Amino acid sequence: MEVVHVTAENFEEEVMKSDKPVLIDFWAPWCGPCKMLLPIIDEIAAMQDKVKVCKVNGDEEGDLIMQFKVRSIPTLVVLDNGVEVNRSVGFKSKTEVLELINV
C-alpha cells in the first residue's frame, strides 16, 4: 500500500472514513528527524496492508496540526475508527513504529 498524502480537503475521506486503522505522520520538509523517518514510513506502508499510512505536511496543513495538537514534529498518531489510540513524538525506529501500530 502506498503512503497517502492527507490535506484538509481529503482528511474526512482518507482518515475518518477509513475501514482500517490509520497511521498519520505529521512532518515538514525542513525537519531532519522527519527526513530520517521517511524511508521507515514508506517501508512500513509497502510491507503491510493492515494499517493505512498517511502523511500530513505541517507547513501546509496548519488546521490539521492544530486539530491534533501537534507541538513538535515528527509526530505519529494512530487512529482507529476516527479515535486516537496511540501517539509518538520524535524519531522512532522501524520496530518502534511497528509497535506503535501493533503490526
N, C-alpha and C. Protein backbone atom coordinates (compact mmCIF):
# COMPACT_ATOMS: atom_id res chain seq x y z
N MET A 1 0.84 -1.18 0.00
CA MET A 1 0.00 0.00 0.00
C MET A 1 0.89 1.25 0.00
N GLU A 2 0.48 2.24 -0.74
CA GLU A 2 1.26 3.48 -0.81
C GLU A 2 0.87 4.44 0.31
N VAL A 3 1.78 5.33 0.64
CA VAL A 3 1.50 6.38 1.60
C VAL A 3 0.53 7.37 0.95
N VAL A 4 -0.48 7.77 1.71
CA VAL A 4 -1.48 8.72 1.23
C VAL A 4 -1.15 10.10 1.81
N HIS A 5 -1.06 11.09 0.94
CA HIS A 5 -0.80 12.46 1.40
C HIS A 5 -2.15 13.09 1.74
N VAL A 6 -2.30 13.45 3.01
CA VAL A 6 -3.58 13.94 3.51
C VAL A 6 -3.55 15.46 3.65
N THR A 7 -4.65 16.06 3.21
CA THR A 7 -4.86 17.50 3.35
C THR A 7 -6.20 17.71 4.05
N ALA A 8 -6.50 18.95 4.39
CA ALA A 8 -7.79 19.25 5.00
C ALA A 8 -8.93 18.81 4.07
N GLU A 9 -8.71 18.90 2.76
CA GLU A 9 -9.74 18.56 1.78
C GLU A 9 -10.06 17.07 1.74
N ASN A 10 -9.05 16.21 1.87
CA ASN A 10 -9.31 14.77 1.77
C ASN A 10 -9.25 14.04 3.11
N PHE A 11 -9.08 14.78 4.21
CA PHE A 11 -8.94 14.18 5.54
C PHE A 11 -10.14 13.30 5.90
N GLU A 12 -11.32 13.81 5.73
CA GLU A 12 -12.53 13.07 6.11
C GLU A 12 -12.59 11.73 5.38
N GLU A 13 -12.39 11.77 4.08
CA GLU A 13 -12.50 10.56 3.27
C GLU A 13 -11.36 9.58 3.55
N GLU A 14 -10.13 10.08 3.58
CA GLU A 14 -8.96 9.20 3.72
C GLU A 14 -8.73 8.69 5.14
N VAL A 15 -9.05 9.51 6.13
CA VAL A 15 -8.74 9.14 7.52
C VAL A 15 -10.00 8.73 8.29
N MET A 16 -10.95 9.62 8.38
CA MET A 16 -12.11 9.37 9.23
C MET A 16 -13.00 8.24 8.70
N LYS A 17 -13.05 8.06 7.40
CA LYS A 17 -13.90 7.02 6.81
C LYS A 17 -13.11 5.76 6.47
N SER A 18 -11.87 5.68 6.92
CA SER A 18 -11.04 4.51 6.62
C SER A 18 -11.62 3.27 7.30
N ASP A 19 -11.60 2.16 6.58
CA ASP A 19 -12.09 0.90 7.14
C ASP A 19 -11.01 0.14 7.90
N LYS A 20 -9.85 0.75 8.06
CA LYS A 20 -8.76 0.15 8.83
C LYS A 20 -8.09 1.24 9.66
N PRO A 21 -7.32 0.86 10.67
CA PRO A 21 -6.60 1.88 11.46
C PRO A 21 -5.71 2.72 10.55
N VAL A 22 -5.44 3.95 10.99
CA VAL A 22 -4.65 4.90 10.19
C VAL A 22 -3.47 5.40 11.02
N LEU A 23 -2.29 5.34 10.41
CA LEU A 23 -1.09 5.96 10.98
C LEU A 23 -0.87 7.27 10.24
N ILE A 24 -0.85 8.38 10.99
CA ILE A 24 -0.60 9.68 10.38
C ILE A 24 0.77 10.16 10.81
N ASP A 25 1.61 10.49 9.84
CA ASP A 25 2.93 11.06 10.08
C ASP A 25 2.85 12.56 9.82
N PHE A 26 2.90 13.37 10.89
CA PHE A 26 2.95 14.82 10.76
C PHE A 26 4.42 15.20 10.60
N TRP A 27 4.75 15.86 9.51
CA TRP A 27 6.15 16.12 9.14
C TRP A 27 6.26 17.50 8.50
N ALA A 28 7.50 17.89 8.20
CA ALA A 28 7.78 19.11 7.43
C ALA A 28 9.05 18.88 6.62
N PRO A 29 9.15 19.51 5.45
CA PRO A 29 10.30 19.28 4.57
C PRO A 29 11.64 19.70 5.17
N TRP A 30 11.65 20.65 6.09
CA TRP A 30 12.89 21.16 6.67
C TRP A 30 13.33 20.37 7.91
N CYS A 31 12.54 19.41 8.34
CA CYS A 31 12.76 18.68 9.60
C CYS A 31 13.70 17.49 9.40
N GLY A 32 14.89 17.54 10.03
CA GLY A 32 15.87 16.47 9.92
C GLY A 32 15.34 15.12 10.39
N PRO A 33 14.79 15.01 11.60
CA PRO A 33 14.25 13.72 12.05
C PRO A 33 13.12 13.21 11.15
N CYS A 34 12.36 14.13 10.56
CA CYS A 34 11.30 13.72 9.62
C CYS A 34 11.90 13.03 8.40
N LYS A 35 13.01 13.59 7.90
CA LYS A 35 13.69 13.01 6.75
C LYS A 35 14.23 11.62 7.08
N MET A 36 14.72 11.45 8.32
CA MET A 36 15.22 10.15 8.75
C MET A 36 14.08 9.14 8.87
N LEU A 37 12.90 9.60 9.23
CA LEU A 37 11.75 8.73 9.42
C LEU A 37 11.09 8.34 8.09
N LEU A 38 11.27 9.18 7.06
CA LEU A 38 10.61 8.98 5.77
C LEU A 38 10.78 7.57 5.19
N PRO A 39 12.01 7.03 5.08
CA PRO A 39 12.12 5.69 4.49
C PRO A 39 11.47 4.61 5.35
N ILE A 40 11.43 4.81 6.66
CA ILE A 40 10.79 3.84 7.55
C ILE A 40 9.29 3.83 7.31
N ILE A 41 8.70 5.02 7.22
CA ILE A 41 7.26 5.13 6.97
C ILE A 41 6.92 4.52 5.61
N ASP A 42 7.71 4.83 4.60
CA ASP A 42 7.48 4.28 3.26
C ASP A 42 7.58 2.75 3.27
N GLU A 43 8.57 2.22 3.98
CA GLU A 43 8.76 0.77 4.04
C GLU A 43 7.59 0.09 4.75
N ILE A 44 7.14 0.68 5.84
CA ILE A 44 6.01 0.10 6.57
C ILE A 44 4.76 0.12 5.71
N ALA A 45 4.53 1.21 5.00
CA ALA A 45 3.37 1.29 4.11
C ALA A 45 3.42 0.21 3.04
N ALA A 46 4.62 -0.05 2.50
CA ALA A 46 4.77 -1.02 1.42
C ALA A 46 4.68 -2.46 1.91
N MET A 47 5.04 -2.71 3.17
CA MET A 47 5.15 -4.08 3.66
C MET A 47 3.88 -4.66 4.26
N GLN A 48 2.88 -3.84 4.52
CA GLN A 48 1.69 -4.35 5.19
C GLN A 48 0.44 -3.64 4.67
N ASP A 49 -0.70 -4.24 4.92
CA ASP A 49 -1.95 -3.62 4.49
C ASP A 49 -3.00 -3.59 5.60
N LYS A 50 -2.56 -3.81 6.83
CA LYS A 50 -3.49 -3.78 7.97
C LYS A 50 -3.76 -2.36 8.46
N VAL A 51 -2.84 -1.46 8.14
CA VAL A 51 -2.94 -0.07 8.58
C VAL A 51 -2.75 0.84 7.37
N LYS A 52 -3.59 1.85 7.26
CA LYS A 52 -3.43 2.85 6.21
C LYS A 52 -2.41 3.87 6.70
N VAL A 53 -1.40 4.16 5.89
CA VAL A 53 -0.34 5.07 6.28
C VAL A 53 -0.52 6.40 5.53
N CYS A 54 -0.58 7.48 6.30
CA CYS A 54 -0.81 8.80 5.74
C CYS A 54 0.26 9.77 6.22
N LYS A 55 0.49 10.81 5.43
CA LYS A 55 1.43 11.87 5.80
C LYS A 55 0.70 13.21 5.72
N VAL A 56 0.99 14.08 6.69
CA VAL A 56 0.44 15.43 6.70
C VAL A 56 1.62 16.41 6.77
N ASN A 57 1.75 17.26 5.76
CA ASN A 57 2.79 18.28 5.75
C ASN A 57 2.34 19.41 6.68
N GLY A 58 3.01 19.52 7.81
CA GLY A 58 2.64 20.51 8.82
C GLY A 58 2.76 21.94 8.35
N ASP A 59 3.66 22.21 7.42
CA ASP A 59 3.80 23.57 6.88
C ASP A 59 2.59 23.98 6.06
N GLU A 60 1.92 23.02 5.45
CA GLU A 60 0.80 23.32 4.56
C GLU A 60 -0.56 23.08 5.20
N GLU A 61 -0.60 22.31 6.28
CA GLU A 61 -1.88 21.91 6.87
C GLU A 61 -1.98 22.33 8.34
N GLY A 62 -1.91 23.63 8.56
CA GLY A 62 -1.95 24.17 9.92
C GLY A 62 -3.21 23.80 10.69
N ASP A 63 -4.35 23.70 9.99
CA ASP A 63 -5.59 23.34 10.67
C ASP A 63 -5.52 21.92 11.24
N LEU A 64 -4.95 20.99 10.48
CA LEU A 64 -4.81 19.62 10.98
C LEU A 64 -3.79 19.56 12.12
N ILE A 65 -2.73 20.35 12.03
CA ILE A 65 -1.74 20.43 13.12
C ILE A 65 -2.44 20.90 14.40
N MET A 66 -3.28 21.91 14.28
CA MET A 66 -3.99 22.43 15.46
C MET A 66 -5.04 21.43 15.95
N GLN A 67 -5.75 20.80 15.03
CA GLN A 67 -6.78 19.84 15.40
C GLN A 67 -6.20 18.70 16.24
N PHE A 68 -4.99 18.24 15.87
CA PHE A 68 -4.36 17.13 16.58
C PHE A 68 -3.39 17.60 17.67
N LYS A 69 -3.34 18.92 17.89
CA LYS A 69 -2.49 19.49 18.95
C LYS A 69 -1.04 19.02 18.82
N VAL A 70 -0.54 19.05 17.58
CA VAL A 70 0.85 18.67 17.32
C VAL A 70 1.73 19.86 17.68
N ARG A 71 2.66 19.64 18.60
CA ARG A 71 3.54 20.70 19.07
C ARG A 71 4.99 20.52 18.61
N SER A 72 5.29 19.32 18.13
CA SER A 72 6.64 19.01 17.68
C SER A 72 6.53 17.98 16.56
N ILE A 73 7.45 18.05 15.62
CA ILE A 73 7.45 17.06 14.55
C ILE A 73 8.81 16.37 14.50
N PRO A 74 8.85 15.14 14.04
CA PRO A 74 7.70 14.37 13.58
C PRO A 74 6.82 13.90 14.75
N THR A 75 5.53 13.85 14.49
CA THR A 75 4.58 13.25 15.42
C THR A 75 3.82 12.19 14.65
N LEU A 76 3.73 11.00 15.24
CA LEU A 76 2.97 9.91 14.66
C LEU A 76 1.70 9.72 15.49
N VAL A 77 0.56 9.69 14.83
CA VAL A 77 -0.72 9.50 15.50
C VAL A 77 -1.41 8.30 14.87
N VAL A 78 -1.92 7.40 15.71
CA VAL A 78 -2.66 6.24 15.23
C VAL A 78 -4.13 6.43 15.59
N LEU A 79 -4.98 6.34 14.56
CA LEU A 79 -6.43 6.44 14.76
C LEU A 79 -7.08 5.12 14.40
N ASP A 80 -8.08 4.73 15.19
CA ASP A 80 -8.87 3.56 14.88
C ASP A 80 -10.34 3.98 14.96
N ASN A 81 -11.04 3.84 13.86
CA ASN A 81 -12.43 4.33 13.77
C ASN A 81 -12.53 5.81 14.11
N GLY A 82 -11.53 6.59 13.70
CA GLY A 82 -11.53 8.03 13.92
C GLY A 82 -11.14 8.47 15.31
N VAL A 83 -10.77 7.53 16.18
CA VAL A 83 -10.40 7.85 17.55
C VAL A 83 -8.90 7.61 17.74
N GLU A 84 -8.22 8.58 18.35
CA GLU A 84 -6.78 8.43 18.60
C GLU A 84 -6.55 7.32 19.62
N VAL A 85 -5.70 6.35 19.25
CA VAL A 85 -5.39 5.24 20.14
C VAL A 85 -3.91 5.20 20.53
N ASN A 86 -3.08 5.96 19.82
CA ASN A 86 -1.66 5.98 20.14
C ASN A 86 -1.02 7.21 19.52
N ARG A 87 0.09 7.64 20.14
CA ARG A 87 0.81 8.82 19.66
C ARG A 87 2.27 8.70 20.06
N SER A 88 3.13 9.24 19.20
CA SER A 88 4.56 9.25 19.48
C SER A 88 5.17 10.51 18.88
N VAL A 89 6.10 11.11 19.60
CA VAL A 89 6.76 12.33 19.13
C VAL A 89 8.25 12.07 18.97
N GLY A 90 8.81 12.55 17.86
CA GLY A 90 10.24 12.39 17.61
C GLY A 90 10.52 11.19 16.73
N PHE A 91 11.80 11.05 16.36
CA PHE A 91 12.21 9.94 15.50
C PHE A 91 12.01 8.62 16.22
N LYS A 92 11.53 7.63 15.49
CA LYS A 92 11.36 6.28 16.01
C LYS A 92 11.95 5.29 15.03
N SER A 93 12.45 4.19 15.55
CA SER A 93 12.97 3.13 14.69
C SER A 93 11.80 2.38 14.06
N LYS A 94 12.10 1.57 13.07
CA LYS A 94 11.06 0.77 12.42
C LYS A 94 10.34 -0.11 13.44
N THR A 95 11.09 -0.73 14.32
CA THR A 95 10.49 -1.58 15.36
C THR A 95 9.55 -0.79 16.25
N GLU A 96 9.95 0.41 16.64
CA GLU A 96 9.11 1.24 17.49
C GLU A 96 7.83 1.68 16.77
N VAL A 97 7.93 1.99 15.49
CA VAL A 97 6.74 2.38 14.73
C VAL A 97 5.81 1.20 14.60
N LEU A 98 6.35 0.01 14.31
CA LEU A 98 5.52 -1.19 14.21
C LEU A 98 4.82 -1.49 15.54
N GLU A 99 5.52 -1.28 16.65
CA GLU A 99 4.90 -1.46 17.97
C GLU A 99 3.78 -0.45 18.18
N LEU A 100 3.99 0.77 17.70
CA LEU A 100 3.00 1.83 17.84
C LEU A 100 1.70 1.46 17.13
N ILE A 101 1.81 0.81 15.98
CA ILE A 101 0.62 0.43 15.22
C ILE A 101 0.22 -1.02 15.47
N ASN A 102 0.96 -1.71 16.31
CA ASN A 102 0.63 -3.09 16.68
C ASN A 102 0.55 -4.03 15.50
N VAL A 103 1.52 -3.93 14.60
CA VAL A 103 1.56 -4.83 13.44
C VAL A 103 2.61 -5.90 13.68
